[in-house]
């Protein structure tokens, strides 16, 4: 994965091969085959996952693509009514892997991250659910400045949200407060607090130990790109610009050789969605997804230009949050070797931040943009829509100017020769069960969670703490290009 590749240190010890976690081994990328939730997957629930891309050691494939991982749920804690806990918890144990020939081997691996999930994964591999009540609308619920006897009274007013101001100024009385509270509960949605991972959820694991007898084989050497084609691709400009013609952090780092139909089929087969155009309707839907902490599979993206032209195709891939998504913009280029050529710039949105220039919310991208390049390669190759990627070195072609955002790349252009897709047969099983509880119990849970959140976090002290953390994480970094 370019400069994202990390070295693996192996110590041959009795009992198996140990990976030095301090050296940062490459992740093992898998897709969940059956759904898991914090409320319907109790301790001991078995699950399976498919290996998306081969896991290598010293240039040798140890766990091939298509292998099956099996494991069990180690612990599951549901939110329930919100009386005991505000967050759901889910801990998974990965026990072994099975090769295509049926041989099974033990595996010592820890969950490192869930791709594009609103949930987070702790250092020990536990999935930590969201604080559903601590959403953007919580900022509208009022602030108390110091503990006092009026706190109980103010908490009731605060639960009416911004309409509490109208209640205090117009002296509506208890009935008015209740009416405003009911109105806000009906209009403003609260995110589902339980953990819900559907089949197809993508995960990254850190492998710490494999058995000594684990088989391995050499990775087939990739075919060389014809010199004339390599030179033509290396000469393609790499810079992508914003709509105002200023440089963006995006870089052309993907080349697709194939027809428009093959490009569309490849991304759709790999589970990517075409982005909708930016309109008032899609903008409103984007805000609803953001404020309710949910996903939006076809959310619009901002306008970027390559050689003065808008993107011909835009695809994205998310899970359960609008704040994180993979996306790629693709432009039609001049044909090469009598085949159509498409150039792509992919980046990974990893959060929402405030643009100090425009004072508007915007996505924050992962500065290691080569990781997105490799993500796209993994998906298209696993879907059987592309030959293995080949790379063109172009150190002189990648010239970046400071954009106030960090972007790090090795400058290589990945070349994917597309073909009609051969979809892998994933043995997915089971539908994602509906969240538990009747409307009444879910309403009771919401009131409980919002009350707890208001008392614990709806104060100036906590908000000051969050502002300091946000400022520390939002500081702009210089652009860096590794050659």
Protein backbone atom coordinates (compact mmCIF):
# COMPACT_ATOMS: atom_id res chain seq x y z
CA UNK A 1 0.00 0.00 0.00
CA UNK A 2 2.70 2.48 -0.94
CA UNK A 3 4.13 4.29 2.03
CA UNK A 4 1.25 2.89 4.08
CA UNK A 5 2.84 -0.55 3.92
CA UNK A 6 4.35 -1.52 7.19
CA UNK A 7 7.11 -3.99 7.82
CA UNK A 8 6.37 -7.26 9.59
CA UNK A 9 8.81 -8.61 12.13
CA UNK A 10 8.64 -12.32 12.64
CA UNK A 11 10.04 -14.28 15.55
CA UNK A 12 9.95 -18.03 15.09
CA UNK A 13 9.15 -19.27 18.58
CA UNK A 14 7.75 -22.54 19.90
CA UNK A 15 4.04 -22.64 19.12
CA UNK A 16 3.84 -20.30 16.18
CA UNK A 17 4.78 -17.12 14.36
CA UNK A 18 4.52 -13.94 16.43
CA UNK A 19 4.03 -10.55 14.82
CA UNK A 20 5.59 -7.57 16.55
CA UNK A 21 2.68 -5.19 17.07
CA UNK A 22 5.16 -2.39 17.72
CA UNK A 23 6.21 -2.70 14.09
CA UNK A 24 2.63 -2.11 12.96
CA UNK A 25 1.75 -5.10 10.76
CA UNK A 26 -0.59 -4.67 7.83
CA UNK A 27 -4.25 -5.14 8.61
CA UNK A 28 -6.17 -8.27 7.70
CA UNK A 29 -9.22 -7.04 5.77
CA UNK A 30 -12.40 -9.09 6.17
CA UNK A 31 -16.15 -8.81 5.48
CA UNK A 32 -18.72 -10.04 7.95
CA UNK A 33 -20.97 -12.79 6.57
CA UNK A 34 -23.74 -12.66 9.17
CA UNK A 35 -25.20 -9.74 11.12
CA UNK A 36 -24.16 -9.00 14.70
CA UNK A 37 -25.91 -6.70 17.18
CA UNK A 38 -25.55 -5.75 20.81
CA UNK A 39 -29.14 -6.88 21.53
CA UNK A 40 -29.53 -10.13 19.58
CA UNK A 41 -26.01 -11.63 19.57
CA UNK A 42 -25.35 -12.84 23.12
CA UNK A 43 -22.07 -14.26 24.37
CA UNK A 44 -21.09 -17.36 22.40
CA UNK A 45 -22.88 -16.38 19.18
CA UNK A 46 -20.82 -17.75 16.24
CA UNK A 47 -19.98 -15.64 13.21
CA UNK A 48 -18.01 -15.90 9.95
CA UNK A 49 -16.04 -13.40 7.88
CA UNK A 50 -14.46 -13.58 4.42
CA UNK A 51 -10.89 -12.41 3.80
CA UNK A 52 -11.05 -9.66 1.16
CA UNK A 53 -7.35 -9.40 0.29
CA UNK A 54 -4.46 -11.75 0.95
CA UNK A 55 -2.52 -11.32 4.18
CA UNK A 56 1.20 -11.43 3.45
CA UNK A 57 4.40 -12.05 5.39
CA UNK A 58 7.81 -11.32 3.87
CA UNK A 59 6.27 -11.30 0.40
CA UNK A 60 4.52 -14.63 0.91
CA UNK A 61 0.76 -15.09 1.16
CA UNK A 62 -0.16 -16.59 4.54
CA UNK A 63 -3.95 -16.12 4.52
CA UNK A 64 -5.25 -16.01 0.92
CA UNK A 65 -8.15 -13.90 -0.27
CA UNK A 66 -11.41 -15.82 0.06
CA UNK A 67 -10.36 -17.67 3.23
CA UNK A 68 -13.02 -17.90 5.94
CA UNK A 69 -12.51 -16.62 9.48
CA UNK A 70 -14.70 -17.94 12.27
CA UNK A 71 -15.21 -16.66 15.78
CA UNK A 72 -17.68 -16.02 18.56
CA UNK A 73 -19.10 -13.07 20.44
CA UNK A 74 -17.08 -12.69 23.64
CA UNK A 75 -19.34 -10.09 25.25
CA UNK A 76 -22.45 -8.12 24.30
CA UNK A 77 -23.99 -5.32 26.39
CA UNK A 78 -27.19 -3.66 25.21
CA UNK A 79 -28.42 -0.17 26.08
CA UNK A 80 -31.94 -1.36 26.89
CA UNK A 81 -33.87 1.44 28.58
CA UNK A 82 -30.71 3.43 29.21
CA UNK A 83 -30.93 3.11 32.99
CA UNK A 84 -27.67 1.16 33.48
CA UNK A 85 -25.61 2.35 30.50
CA UNK A 86 -25.67 4.92 27.71
CA UNK A 87 -23.43 3.00 25.31
CA UNK A 88 -23.73 -0.47 23.84
CA UNK A 89 -20.68 -2.75 23.83
CA UNK A 90 -19.70 -5.68 21.65
CA UNK A 91 -16.51 -7.74 21.85
CA UNK A 92 -15.56 -10.36 19.27
CA UNK A 93 -13.15 -13.28 19.41
CA UNK A 94 -11.49 -14.41 16.16
CA UNK A 95 -10.51 -18.05 16.63
CA UNK A 96 -9.38 -19.64 13.35
CA UNK A 97 -9.29 -19.43 9.57
CA UNK A 98 -10.15 -21.96 6.90
CA UNK A 99 -8.42 -22.27 3.53
CA UNK A 100 -10.17 -23.09 0.26
CA UNK A 101 -9.13 -26.74 0.59
CA UNK A 102 -10.91 -27.03 3.94
CA UNK A 103 -7.84 -26.98 6.18
CA UNK A 104 -8.37 -25.00 9.36
CA UNK A 105 -5.75 -23.21 11.47
CA UNK A 106 -5.91 -21.27 14.75
CA UNK A 107 -5.67 -17.50 14.59
CA UNK A 108 -4.78 -14.91 17.21
CA UNK A 109 -6.14 -11.59 15.95
CA UNK A 110 -7.67 -8.46 17.45
CA UNK A 111 -10.28 -6.19 15.90
CA UNK A 112 -8.60 -2.91 14.99
CA UNK A 113 -11.36 -0.95 13.27
CA UNK A 114 -14.71 -1.17 11.51
CA UNK A 115 -14.72 0.55 8.15
CA UNK A 116 -16.85 3.72 8.02
CA UNK A 117 -18.64 2.91 11.28
CA UNK A 118 -20.04 5.48 13.66
CA UNK A 119 -18.96 3.11 16.44
CA UNK A 120 -15.35 3.12 17.65
CA UNK A 121 -13.00 0.27 18.52
CA UNK A 122 -10.92 0.48 21.69
CA UNK A 123 -7.25 -0.51 22.01
CA UNK A 124 -8.31 -3.90 23.33
CA UNK A 125 -10.58 -4.56 20.34
CA UNK A 126 -13.94 -3.82 21.96
CA UNK A 127 -16.63 -2.15 19.86
CA UNK A 128 -17.97 0.89 21.69
CA UNK A 129 -21.39 2.21 20.71
CA UNK A 130 -22.35 5.85 20.32
CA UNK A 131 -23.83 8.28 22.82
CA UNK A 132 -27.05 8.61 20.85
CA UNK A 133 -28.34 11.59 22.81
CA UNK A 134 -25.09 13.53 22.41
CA UNK A 135 -25.85 14.49 18.81
CA UNK A 136 -25.72 17.89 17.03
CA UNK A 137 -29.24 18.70 18.25
CA UNK A 138 -28.00 18.40 21.85
CA UNK A 139 -26.29 21.78 21.37
CA UNK A 140 -29.76 23.32 21.23
CA UNK A 141 -30.81 22.06 24.65
CA UNK A 142 -29.47 24.92 26.78
CA UNK A 143 -26.50 25.35 29.13
CA UNK A 144 -26.44 25.54 32.92
CA UNK A 145 -23.50 27.41 34.39
CA UNK A 146 -23.23 26.12 37.97
CA UNK A 147 -24.96 23.51 40.12
CA UNK A 148 -27.91 25.06 41.91
CA UNK A 149 -31.40 24.27 43.18
CA UNK A 150 -32.76 25.40 39.81
CA UNK A 151 -30.95 22.59 38.01
CA UNK A 152 -33.91 20.21 38.12
CA UNK A 153 -36.22 22.89 36.78
CA UNK A 154 -33.73 23.89 34.04
CA UNK A 155 -33.21 20.30 32.97
CA UNK A 156 -36.91 19.97 32.19
CA UNK A 157 -36.81 23.18 30.16
CA UNK A 158 -33.63 22.03 28.43
CA UNK A 159 -35.27 18.86 27.25
CA UNK A 160 -37.58 20.98 25.09
CA UNK A 161 -34.52 22.01 23.07
CA UNK A 162 -34.36 25.47 21.48
CA UNK A 163 -38.10 25.82 22.03
CA UNK A 164 -37.32 26.16 25.75
CA UNK A 165 -36.51 29.79 25.01
CA UNK A 166 -40.04 30.32 23.72
CA UNK A 167 -41.42 28.61 26.84
CA UNK A 168 -39.53 30.85 29.27
CA UNK A 169 -40.40 34.06 27.41
CA UNK A 170 -44.07 33.39 26.87
CA UNK A 171 -44.84 31.77 30.26
CA UNK A 172 -46.65 28.80 28.76
CA UNK A 173 -46.67 26.92 32.04
CA UNK A 174 -46.20 23.16 32.61
CA UNK A 175 -48.67 22.24 29.86
CA UNK A 176 -46.75 24.34 27.33
CA UNK A 177 -43.45 22.74 28.33
CA UNK A 178 -44.96 19.29 27.89
CA UNK A 179 -46.34 20.27 24.49
CA UNK A 180 -42.99 21.61 23.30
CA UNK A 181 -41.25 18.48 24.55
CA UNK A 182 -43.72 16.29 22.66
CA UNK A 183 -43.24 18.38 19.52
CA UNK A 184 -39.46 18.04 19.65
CA UNK A 185 -39.66 14.29 20.24
CA UNK A 186 -41.88 13.99 17.17
CA UNK A 187 -39.82 16.22 14.85
CA UNK A 188 -36.21 15.62 15.90
CA UNK A 189 -34.94 12.07 15.47
CA UNK A 190 -32.49 10.42 17.82
CA UNK A 191 -30.01 7.86 16.54
CA UNK A 192 -30.38 4.18 17.40
CA UNK A 193 -27.97 3.61 20.33
CA UNK A 194 -27.60 -0.15 19.85
CA UNK A 195 -24.74 -1.61 17.79
CA UNK A 196 -26.04 -3.06 14.49
CA UNK A 197 -23.50 -4.55 12.07
CA UNK A 198 -25.12 -5.97 8.92
CA UNK A 199 -23.69 -8.73 6.76
CA UNK A 200 -21.04 -7.17 4.54
CA UNK A 201 -19.61 -4.94 7.27
CA UNK A 202 -15.90 -4.50 6.58
CA UNK A 203 -13.40 -4.88 9.41
CA UNK A 204 -9.65 -4.58 9.83
CA UNK A 205 -7.84 -6.98 12.17
CA UNK A 206 -4.34 -6.94 13.61
CA UNK A 207 -2.84 -10.43 13.54
CA UNK A 208 -0.49 -11.16 16.43
CA UNK A 209 0.08 -14.90 16.07
CA UNK A 210 -0.20 -17.69 13.50
CA UNK A 211 0.67 -21.38 13.92
CA UNK A 212 4.17 -22.46 12.88
CA UNK A 213 2.70 -25.00 10.46
CA UNK A 214 0.61 -22.37 8.67
CA UNK A 215 1.14 -22.83 4.90
CA UNK A 216 2.21 -19.96 2.68
CA UNK A 217 3.03 -19.35 -0.95
CA UNK A 218 4.66 -16.67 -3.06
CA UNK A 219 2.58 -13.87 -4.46
CA UNK A 220 2.49 -14.12 -8.27
CA UNK A 221 4.60 -11.45 -9.92
CA UNK A 222 2.55 -8.70 -11.54
CA UNK A 223 2.86 -8.17 -15.27
CA UNK A 224 4.90 -5.23 -16.46
CA UNK A 225 3.16 -2.30 -18.09
CA UNK A 226 4.27 -1.71 -21.69
CA UNK A 227 6.81 1.11 -21.77
CA UNK A 228 4.82 3.32 -24.15
CA UNK A 229 1.67 2.99 -22.04
CA UNK A 230 3.60 3.60 -18.81
CA UNK A 231 5.12 6.79 -20.24
CA UNK A 232 1.73 8.00 -21.48
CA UNK A 233 0.18 7.45 -18.04
CA UNK A 234 3.13 9.05 -16.23
CA UNK A 235 2.65 12.19 -18.32
CA UNK A 236 -0.96 12.61 -17.18
CA UNK A 237 -1.34 15.67 -14.89
CA UNK A 238 -1.95 14.72 -11.27
CA UNK A 239 -3.38 17.88 -9.74
CA UNK A 240 -7.11 18.24 -9.01
CA UNK A 241 -8.58 21.68 -8.32
CA UNK A 242 -11.48 23.03 -6.30
CA UNK A 243 -14.39 24.76 -7.99
CA UNK A 244 -12.65 28.11 -7.33
CA UNK A 245 -9.60 26.78 -9.26
CA UNK A 246 -7.44 26.54 -6.13
CA UNK A 247 -5.50 23.27 -5.61
CA UNK A 248 -7.26 20.58 -3.62
CA UNK A 249 -5.75 17.79 -1.52
CA UNK A 250 -7.02 15.23 -4.07
CA UNK A 251 -4.52 13.67 -6.49
CA UNK A 252 -5.03 11.57 -9.61
CA UNK A 253 -3.67 8.22 -8.44
CA UNK A 254 -5.85 5.69 -10.27
CA UNK A 255 -6.16 4.77 -13.94
CA UNK A 256 -8.95 2.50 -15.18
CA UNK A 257 -8.64 0.92 -18.63
CA UNK A 258 -12.02 -0.22 -19.88
CA UNK A 259 -15.40 0.97 -21.09
CA UNK A 260 -17.75 3.24 -19.19
CA UNK A 261 -20.01 0.24 -18.62
CA UNK A 262 -17.14 -1.73 -17.11
CA UNK A 263 -16.23 1.13 -14.77
CA UNK A 264 -19.83 1.44 -13.59
CA UNK A 265 -20.28 -2.31 -13.28
CA UNK A 266 -17.02 -2.66 -11.34
CA UNK A 267 -17.93 -0.15 -8.64
CA UNK A 268 -21.55 -1.23 -8.36
CA UNK A 269 -20.56 -4.89 -8.07
CA UNK A 270 -17.99 -3.97 -5.42
CA UNK A 271 -20.72 -2.35 -3.33
CA UNK A 272 -20.15 1.31 -4.17
CA UNK A 273 -23.01 3.75 -4.87
CA UNK A 274 -23.20 6.56 -7.41
CA UNK A 275 -23.29 9.95 -5.69
CA UNK A 276 -26.39 12.07 -6.19
CA UNK A 277 -26.04 15.63 -7.49
CA UNK A 278 -25.89 18.44 -4.96
CA UNK A 279 -29.39 19.95 -4.71
CA UNK A 280 -31.50 21.48 -1.96
CA UNK A 281 -33.15 18.10 -1.43
CA UNK A 282 -29.92 16.10 -1.17
CA UNK A 283 -28.37 18.81 1.00
CA UNK A 284 -31.32 18.58 3.40
CA UNK A 285 -31.06 14.79 3.43
CA UNK A 286 -27.33 15.07 4.15
CA UNK A 287 -28.04 17.29 7.14
CA UNK A 288 -30.69 14.89 8.43
CA UNK A 289 -28.21 12.03 8.21
CA UNK A 290 -25.56 14.10 9.99
CA UNK A 291 -27.84 15.29 12.78
CA UNK A 292 -29.34 11.84 13.37
CA UNK A 293 -25.97 10.02 13.20
CA UNK A 294 -27.04 7.79 10.31
CA UNK A 295 -25.68 6.89 6.88
CA UNK A 296 -26.53 8.17 3.41
CA UNK A 297 -25.25 5.75 0.76
CA UNK A 298 -25.59 8.15 -2.20
CA UNK A 299 -24.82 11.48 -0.53
CA UNK A 300 -23.56 14.26 -2.83
CA UNK A 301 -19.91 15.30 -2.89
CA UNK A 302 -18.34 18.69 -3.44
CA UNK A 303 -17.40 19.80 -6.92
CA UNK A 304 -13.78 19.28 -8.02
CA UNK A 305 -12.21 19.91 -11.42
CA UNK A 306 -9.55 18.10 -13.40
CA UNK A 307 -8.16 19.94 -16.40
CA UNK A 308 -11.09 22.33 -15.96
CA UNK A 309 -13.74 19.59 -16.25
CA UNK A 310 -16.22 18.15 -13.77
CA UNK A 311 -15.99 14.48 -12.86
CA UNK A 312 -17.65 12.07 -15.29
CA UNK A 313 -18.51 9.56 -12.55
CA UNK A 314 -18.54 9.75 -8.75
CA UNK A 315 -18.84 6.71 -6.48
CA UNK A 316 -18.79 6.29 -2.72
CA UNK A 317 -19.06 3.61 -0.07
CA UNK A 318 -20.19 3.99 3.53
CA UNK A 319 -21.75 2.02 6.37
CA UNK A 320 -23.83 3.71 9.05
CA UNK A 321 -22.64 7.31 9.27
CA UNK A 322 -22.48 10.26 6.89
CA UNK A 323 -19.28 11.50 8.53
CA UNK A 324 -17.17 8.63 7.15
CA UNK A 325 -17.12 7.33 3.60
CA UNK A 326 -14.84 6.24 0.80
CA UNK A 327 -15.33 8.18 -2.41
CA UNK A 328 -13.70 8.54 -5.80
CA UNK A 329 -14.15 11.03 -8.63
CA UNK A 330 -13.45 9.70 -12.12
CA UNK A 331 -12.72 11.67 -15.30
CA UNK A 332 -12.75 10.46 -18.91
CA UNK A 333 -9.31 10.79 -20.52
CA UNK A 334 -7.95 10.19 -24.00
CA UNK A 335 -7.98 6.54 -25.04
CA UNK A 336 -4.76 4.51 -24.85
CA UNK A 337 -3.92 1.43 -26.91
CA UNK A 338 -7.39 1.58 -28.50
CA UNK A 339 -9.05 1.25 -25.08
CA UNK A 340 -10.90 3.87 -23.07
CA UNK A 341 -8.97 5.47 -20.20
CA UNK A 342 -10.45 6.87 -17.01
CA UNK A 343 -8.49 8.73 -14.30
CA UNK A 344 -9.58 8.72 -10.68
CA UNK A 345 -8.86 10.60 -7.45
CA UNK A 346 -10.01 8.83 -4.30
CA UNK A 347 -10.06 10.06 -0.71
CA UNK A 348 -11.48 8.78 2.55
CA UNK A 349 -13.72 11.05 4.63
CA UNK A 350 -13.01 10.33 8.29
CA UNK A 351 -14.91 13.06 10.11
CA UNK A 352 -16.69 16.40 10.07
CA UNK A 353 -14.84 19.64 10.77
CA UNK A 354 -15.54 23.37 10.54
CA UNK A 355 -13.89 25.15 7.60
CA UNK A 356 -12.44 28.32 9.14
CA UNK A 357 -12.48 30.04 5.74
CA UNK A 358 -16.13 29.48 4.82
CA UNK A 359 -17.41 28.83 8.39
CA UNK A 360 -19.27 25.79 7.07
CA UNK A 361 -19.13 22.14 8.05
CA UNK A 362 -17.00 20.04 5.74
CA UNK A 363 -15.54 16.55 5.63
CA UNK A 364 -12.07 15.91 6.95
CA UNK A 365 -10.08 13.47 4.82
CA UNK A 366 -7.51 10.89 5.81
CA UNK A 367 -4.16 12.48 4.86
CA UNK A 368 -2.75 9.08 3.81
CA UNK A 369 -4.53 9.15 0.47
CA UNK A 370 -2.68 6.10 -0.85
CA UNK A 371 -4.79 4.08 1.57
CA UNK A 372 -7.88 4.98 -0.45
CA UNK A 373 -6.10 3.96 -3.62
CA UNK A 374 -5.44 0.53 -2.15
CA UNK A 375 -9.01 0.27 -0.80
CA UNK A 376 -10.41 0.74 -4.30
CA UNK A 377 -7.99 -1.82 -5.70
CA UNK A 378 -8.96 -4.38 -3.05
CA UNK A 379 -12.67 -3.96 -3.73
CA UNK A 380 -12.51 -4.14 -7.52
CA UNK A 381 -10.09 -7.08 -7.60
CA UNK A 382 -12.07 -9.01 -4.97
CA UNK A 383 -15.27 -8.42 -6.96
CA UNK A 384 -13.58 -10.04 -9.96
CA UNK A 385 -13.87 -6.85 -11.99
CA UNK A 386 -10.19 -6.10 -12.49
CA UNK A 387 -6.84 -7.68 -13.04
CA UNK A 388 -4.32 -7.15 -10.20
CA UNK A 389 -3.10 -3.58 -10.04
CA UNK A 390 0.12 -2.44 -11.67
CA UNK A 391 1.90 0.79 -10.82
CA UNK A 392 3.53 3.61 -12.71
CA UNK A 393 6.21 5.65 -10.92
CA UNK A 394 5.92 9.35 -11.64
CA UNK A 395 7.94 11.30 -9.06
CA UNK A 396 8.18 14.33 -11.32
CA UNK A 397 4.47 14.43 -12.09
CA UNK A 398 3.11 14.92 -8.59
CA UNK A 399 3.57 18.56 -7.63
CA UNK A 400 1.42 19.78 -4.77
CA UNK A 401 0.91 23.24 -3.36
CA UNK A 402 -0.12 23.87 0.24
CA UNK A 403 -3.90 23.76 0.56
CA UNK A 404 -4.13 23.97 4.35
CA UNK A 405 -4.88 20.24 4.42
CA UNK A 406 -2.42 17.43 4.79
CA UNK A 407 -2.05 14.91 1.97
CA UNK A 408 0.67 12.28 1.82
CA UNK A 409 1.30 10.07 -1.22
CA UNK A 410 4.15 8.14 -2.80
CA UNK A 411 3.16 9.62 -6.17
CA UNK A 412 2.50 6.29 -7.90
CA UNK A 413 -0.38 5.79 -10.33
CA UNK A 414 -2.23 2.48 -9.94
CA UNK A 415 -3.39 0.98 -13.23
CA UNK A 416 -6.43 -1.31 -13.24
CA UNK A 417 -7.35 -3.20 -16.42
CA UNK A 418 -11.07 -3.85 -16.08
CA UNK A 419 -13.04 -6.88 -17.23
CA UNK A 420 -16.58 -8.15 -16.88
CA UNK A 421 -17.13 -8.94 -13.21
CA UNK A 422 -17.02 -12.41 -11.71
CA UNK A 423 -18.86 -11.87 -8.44
CA UNK A 424 -17.49 -13.93 -5.53
CA UNK A 425 -20.05 -16.12 -3.80
CA UNK A 426 -20.30 -14.77 -0.25
CA UNK A 427 -22.18 -17.06 2.10
CA UNK A 428 -24.07 -14.26 3.83
CA UNK A 429 -26.79 -15.44 6.20
CA UNK A 430 -29.56 -13.73 8.12
CA UNK A 431 -31.22 -10.33 8.04
CA UNK A 432 -30.31 -7.56 10.44
CA UNK A 433 -32.91 -7.80 13.23
CA UNK A 434 -35.02 -4.75 13.98
CA UNK A 435 -34.09 -2.69 17.05
CA UNK A 436 -35.78 -4.00 20.18
CA UNK A 437 -38.70 -2.48 22.04
CA UNK A 438 -42.11 -1.02 21.31
CA UNK A 439 -42.65 2.65 20.49
CA UNK A 440 -43.45 3.30 24.12
CA UNK A 441 -40.29 1.66 25.46
CA UNK A 442 -38.17 3.39 22.83
CA UNK A 443 -39.70 6.73 23.83
CA UNK A 444 -38.92 5.98 27.47
CA UNK A 445 -35.35 5.10 26.52
CA UNK A 446 -34.97 8.34 24.60
CA UNK A 447 -36.19 10.47 27.48
CA UNK A 448 -33.84 8.62 29.84
CA UNK A 449 -30.81 9.00 27.56
CA UNK A 450 -31.48 12.65 26.76
CA UNK A 451 -31.97 13.48 30.43
CA UNK A 452 -28.70 11.76 31.36
CA UNK A 453 -26.89 13.49 28.52
CA UNK A 454 -28.26 16.89 29.47
CA UNK A 455 -27.26 16.56 33.10
CA UNK A 456 -23.78 15.16 32.37
CA UNK A 457 -22.79 17.09 29.23
CA UNK A 458 -25.17 20.01 28.73
CA UNK A 459 -22.97 22.42 30.68
CA UNK A 460 -20.33 24.98 29.87
CA UNK A 461 -17.53 22.97 31.50
CA UNK A 462 -18.02 19.90 29.34
CA UNK A 463 -18.51 21.97 26.19
CA UNK A 464 -15.27 23.86 26.88
CA UNK A 465 -13.49 20.52 27.20
CA UNK A 466 -14.96 19.34 23.89
CA UNK A 467 -14.00 22.62 22.20
CA UNK A 468 -10.38 22.23 23.30
CA UNK A 469 -10.30 18.64 21.99
CA UNK A 470 -11.89 19.69 18.69
CA UNK A 471 -9.43 22.56 18.24
CA UNK A 472 -6.47 20.28 18.91
CA UNK A 473 -7.67 17.83 16.26
CA UNK A 474 -8.70 20.45 13.68
CA UNK A 475 -5.38 22.29 13.41
CA UNK A 476 -4.38 22.38 9.71
CA UNK A 477 -1.24 20.52 8.65
CA UNK A 478 1.08 21.25 5.72
CA UNK A 479 0.90 19.18 2.58
CA UNK A 480 3.63 16.56 2.35
CA UNK A 481 4.47 14.47 -0.70
CA UNK A 482 6.85 11.57 -0.30
CA UNK A 483 8.85 10.72 -3.41
